[in-house]
Amino acid sequence: MQQVELENAIKLGQRIKELRTQKGKSLNSFVMEHGGTTTATWSRVESGKVNLKISTLIKVAAILGITVDKLLKDIDFNYSLEE
């Protein structure tokens, strides 16, 4: 993973966790309510260890009750094609 890609994954994971906790949900209760994945997978997402597909981003935004553009707020999309 490029450095900026890694940084974006971490930022996105932090954002997802922040939005989940604002809803007053523990990781376990959130996963149980929304199914389709495990607590371990969500934990990896929130720690920036998973690169999400666009379809997953759309689902995550819907689960959190926000739009994808709000979910991706403050993410740097300036990638270098080198490396």
N, C-alpha and C. Protein backbone atom coordinates (compact mmCIF):
# COMPACT_ATOMS: atom_id res chain seq x y z
N MET A 1 0.84 -1.18 0.00
CA MET A 1 0.00 0.00 0.00
C MET A 1 0.88 1.24 0.00
N GLN A 2 0.55 2.20 -0.85
CA GLN A 2 1.27 3.48 -0.83
C GLN A 2 1.00 4.16 0.51
N GLN A 3 1.89 5.05 0.91
CA GLN A 3 1.75 5.75 2.18
C GLN A 3 0.43 6.51 2.27
N VAL A 4 0.08 7.25 1.21
CA VAL A 4 -1.17 8.02 1.25
C VAL A 4 -2.38 7.08 1.32
N GLU A 5 -2.29 5.93 0.66
CA GLU A 5 -3.37 4.95 0.70
C GLU A 5 -3.54 4.40 2.11
N LEU A 6 -2.44 4.11 2.76
CA LEU A 6 -2.47 3.63 4.14
C LEU A 6 -3.05 4.69 5.07
N GLU A 7 -2.60 5.93 4.90
CA GLU A 7 -3.11 7.03 5.72
C GLU A 7 -4.61 7.21 5.53
N ASN A 8 -5.08 7.08 4.28
CA ASN A 8 -6.51 7.20 4.00
C ASN A 8 -7.30 6.07 4.64
N ALA A 9 -6.78 4.85 4.59
CA ALA A 9 -7.46 3.72 5.21
C ALA A 9 -7.59 3.94 6.71
N ILE A 10 -6.55 4.47 7.32
CA ILE A 10 -6.58 4.75 8.76
C ILE A 10 -7.59 5.86 9.06
N LYS A 11 -7.56 6.95 8.28
CA LYS A 11 -8.52 8.05 8.47
C LYS A 11 -9.95 7.57 8.32
N LEU A 12 -10.19 6.76 7.29
CA LEU A 12 -11.54 6.25 7.05
C LEU A 12 -11.98 5.35 8.21
N GLY A 13 -11.10 4.50 8.66
CA GLY A 13 -11.43 3.63 9.79
C GLY A 13 -11.76 4.42 11.04
N GLN A 14 -10.97 5.46 11.29
CA GLN A 14 -11.23 6.33 12.45
C GLN A 14 -12.57 7.03 12.31
N ARG A 15 -12.88 7.46 11.11
CA ARG A 15 -14.16 8.14 10.85
C ARG A 15 -15.33 7.19 11.09
N ILE A 16 -15.22 5.96 10.60
CA ILE A 16 -16.28 4.98 10.80
C ILE A 16 -16.47 4.71 12.29
N LYS A 17 -15.38 4.55 13.01
CA LYS A 17 -15.47 4.30 14.46
C LYS A 17 -16.10 5.49 15.16
N GLU A 18 -15.68 6.68 14.80
CA GLU A 18 -16.22 7.90 15.40
C GLU A 18 -17.74 7.98 15.20
N LEU A 19 -18.19 7.72 13.98
CA LEU A 19 -19.62 7.78 13.68
C LEU A 19 -20.39 6.69 14.41
N ARG A 20 -19.80 5.51 14.51
CA ARG A 20 -20.45 4.41 15.25
C ARG A 20 -20.59 4.76 16.72
N THR A 21 -19.53 5.28 17.31
CA THR A 21 -19.58 5.60 18.74
C THR A 21 -20.50 6.78 19.02
N GLN A 22 -20.63 7.70 18.06
CA GLN A 22 -21.59 8.81 18.22
C GLN A 22 -23.01 8.28 18.31
N LYS A 23 -23.26 7.14 17.70
CA LYS A 23 -24.57 6.51 17.77
C LYS A 23 -24.73 5.72 19.08
N GLY A 24 -23.67 5.72 19.90
CA GLY A 24 -23.72 5.02 21.19
C GLY A 24 -23.66 3.51 21.06
N LYS A 25 -23.05 3.02 20.00
CA LYS A 25 -23.01 1.58 19.74
C LYS A 25 -21.62 1.02 20.02
N SER A 26 -21.59 -0.09 20.75
CA SER A 26 -20.33 -0.82 20.89
C SER A 26 -20.09 -1.56 19.57
N LEU A 27 -18.88 -1.99 19.38
CA LEU A 27 -18.56 -2.73 18.16
C LEU A 27 -19.41 -3.99 18.06
N ASN A 28 -19.54 -4.72 19.17
CA ASN A 28 -20.32 -5.96 19.15
C ASN A 28 -21.78 -5.71 18.82
N SER A 29 -22.39 -4.73 19.46
CA SER A 29 -23.81 -4.48 19.21
C SER A 29 -24.04 -3.96 17.80
N PHE A 30 -23.12 -3.17 17.31
CA PHE A 30 -23.23 -2.64 15.95
C PHE A 30 -23.19 -3.77 14.92
N VAL A 31 -22.24 -4.68 15.08
CA VAL A 31 -22.11 -5.80 14.15
C VAL A 31 -23.33 -6.72 14.25
N MET A 32 -23.81 -6.96 15.45
CA MET A 32 -24.97 -7.83 15.62
C MET A 32 -26.22 -7.23 14.95
N GLU A 33 -26.38 -5.93 15.04
CA GLU A 33 -27.54 -5.26 14.45
C GLU A 33 -27.49 -5.29 12.92
N HIS A 34 -26.32 -5.19 12.37
CA HIS A 34 -26.20 -5.01 10.92
C HIS A 34 -25.71 -6.25 10.19
N GLY A 35 -25.23 -7.23 10.92
CA GLY A 35 -24.85 -8.51 10.32
C GLY A 35 -23.95 -8.40 9.09
N GLY A 36 -23.80 -9.51 8.43
CA GLY A 36 -23.03 -9.55 7.18
C GLY A 36 -21.54 -9.58 7.36
N THR A 37 -21.05 -9.43 8.57
CA THR A 37 -19.61 -9.46 8.81
C THR A 37 -19.35 -9.82 10.26
N THR A 38 -18.10 -9.95 10.60
CA THR A 38 -17.73 -10.30 11.97
C THR A 38 -17.19 -9.08 12.71
N THR A 39 -17.14 -9.20 14.01
CA THR A 39 -16.55 -8.14 14.83
C THR A 39 -15.08 -7.95 14.46
N ALA A 40 -14.40 -9.04 14.19
CA ALA A 40 -12.97 -8.97 13.81
C ALA A 40 -12.79 -8.18 12.52
N THR A 41 -13.67 -8.39 11.55
CA THR A 41 -13.58 -7.66 10.29
C THR A 41 -13.82 -6.18 10.51
N TRP A 42 -14.87 -5.83 11.27
CA TRP A 42 -15.14 -4.42 11.55
C TRP A 42 -13.99 -3.78 12.31
N SER A 43 -13.39 -4.52 13.22
CA SER A 43 -12.25 -4.01 13.97
C SER A 43 -11.09 -3.69 13.02
N ARG A 44 -10.87 -4.57 12.05
CA ARG A 44 -9.82 -4.33 11.05
C ARG A 44 -10.14 -3.11 10.18
N VAL A 45 -11.42 -2.93 9.84
CA VAL A 45 -11.85 -1.75 9.07
C VAL A 45 -11.56 -0.49 9.87
N GLU A 46 -11.98 -0.50 11.13
CA GLU A 46 -11.83 0.69 11.97
C GLU A 46 -10.37 1.00 12.31
N SER A 47 -9.50 0.02 12.19
CA SER A 47 -8.08 0.28 12.45
C SER A 47 -7.29 0.55 11.17
N GLY A 48 -8.00 0.60 10.04
CA GLY A 48 -7.36 0.95 8.77
C GLY A 48 -6.59 -0.17 8.12
N LYS A 49 -6.89 -1.40 8.48
CA LYS A 49 -6.16 -2.55 7.93
C LYS A 49 -6.87 -3.18 6.73
N VAL A 50 -8.01 -2.61 6.34
CA VAL A 50 -8.80 -3.16 5.24
C VAL A 50 -9.05 -2.06 4.21
N ASN A 51 -8.84 -2.39 2.95
CA ASN A 51 -9.15 -1.48 1.86
C ASN A 51 -10.56 -1.82 1.38
N LEU A 52 -11.51 -0.94 1.60
CA LEU A 52 -12.91 -1.24 1.29
C LEU A 52 -13.24 -1.03 -0.18
N LYS A 53 -14.08 -1.91 -0.73
CA LYS A 53 -14.60 -1.75 -2.08
C LYS A 53 -15.67 -0.65 -2.05
N ILE A 54 -15.95 -0.06 -3.20
CA ILE A 54 -16.94 1.01 -3.27
C ILE A 54 -18.31 0.51 -2.82
N SER A 55 -18.66 -0.72 -3.16
CA SER A 55 -19.96 -1.26 -2.74
C SER A 55 -20.04 -1.36 -1.22
N THR A 56 -18.93 -1.68 -0.58
CA THR A 56 -18.89 -1.76 0.88
C THR A 56 -18.98 -0.37 1.48
N LEU A 57 -18.31 0.62 0.87
CA LEU A 57 -18.39 2.00 1.35
C LEU A 57 -19.83 2.49 1.33
N ILE A 58 -20.54 2.14 0.27
CA ILE A 58 -21.94 2.55 0.14
C ILE A 58 -22.77 1.92 1.26
N LYS A 59 -22.55 0.64 1.53
CA LYS A 59 -23.28 -0.05 2.60
C LYS A 59 -22.94 0.54 3.97
N VAL A 60 -21.66 0.80 4.21
CA VAL A 60 -21.24 1.37 5.49
C VAL A 60 -21.89 2.73 5.71
N ALA A 61 -21.88 3.57 4.68
CA ALA A 61 -22.51 4.88 4.79
C ALA A 61 -24.00 4.74 5.10
N ALA A 62 -24.67 3.81 4.43
CA ALA A 62 -26.09 3.60 4.67
C ALA A 62 -26.34 3.13 6.10
N ILE A 63 -25.53 2.21 6.58
CA ILE A 63 -25.67 1.71 7.96
C ILE A 63 -25.49 2.84 8.96
N LEU A 64 -24.55 3.74 8.66
CA LEU A 64 -24.27 4.86 9.57
C LEU A 64 -25.25 6.03 9.38
N GLY A 65 -26.09 5.92 8.35
CA GLY A 65 -27.10 6.95 8.13
C GLY A 65 -26.55 8.24 7.54
N ILE A 66 -25.48 8.12 6.75
CA ILE A 66 -24.88 9.30 6.12
C ILE A 66 -24.64 9.00 4.64
N THR A 67 -24.25 10.03 3.90
CA THR A 67 -23.92 9.84 2.49
C THR A 67 -22.45 9.44 2.37
N VAL A 68 -22.10 8.86 1.24
CA VAL A 68 -20.72 8.44 1.01
C VAL A 68 -19.77 9.64 1.04
N ASP A 69 -20.20 10.78 0.48
CA ASP A 69 -19.30 11.94 0.49
C ASP A 69 -19.00 12.41 1.90
N LYS A 70 -19.97 12.29 2.81
CA LYS A 70 -19.70 12.66 4.21
C LYS A 70 -18.80 11.64 4.88
N LEU A 71 -18.93 10.38 4.50
CA LEU A 71 -18.06 9.34 5.04
C LEU A 71 -16.62 9.57 4.60
N LEU A 72 -16.43 10.03 3.37
CA LEU A 72 -15.09 10.22 2.81
C LEU A 72 -14.52 11.62 3.05
N LYS A 73 -15.20 12.40 3.85
CA LYS A 73 -14.74 13.75 4.17
C LYS A 73 -13.30 13.70 4.70
N ASP A 74 -12.49 14.60 4.22
CA ASP A 74 -11.09 14.75 4.64
C ASP A 74 -10.17 13.62 4.17
N ILE A 75 -10.60 12.86 3.17
CA ILE A 75 -9.73 11.83 2.61
C ILE A 75 -8.98 12.42 1.43
N ASP A 76 -7.66 12.19 1.37
CA ASP A 76 -6.81 12.72 0.32
C ASP A 76 -6.82 11.78 -0.88
N PHE A 77 -7.34 12.27 -2.01
CA PHE A 77 -7.41 11.45 -3.21
C PHE A 77 -6.29 11.75 -4.20
N ASN A 78 -5.24 12.43 -3.76
CA ASN A 78 -4.11 12.75 -4.63
C ASN A 78 -3.09 11.63 -4.58
N TYR A 79 -3.27 10.66 -5.47
CA TYR A 79 -2.38 9.51 -5.52
C TYR A 79 -1.33 9.69 -6.59
N SER A 80 -0.17 9.14 -6.33
CA SER A 80 0.90 9.09 -7.32
C SER A 80 0.80 7.75 -8.04
N LEU A 81 0.96 7.78 -9.35
CA LEU A 81 0.94 6.53 -10.11
C LEU A 81 2.28 5.82 -10.06
N GLU A 82 3.28 6.48 -9.49
CA GLU A 82 4.59 5.88 -9.34
C GLU A 82 4.57 4.97 -8.13
N GLU A 83 5.46 4.03 -8.07
CA GLU A 83 5.66 3.03 -7.01
C GLU A 83 5.22 1.70 -7.46
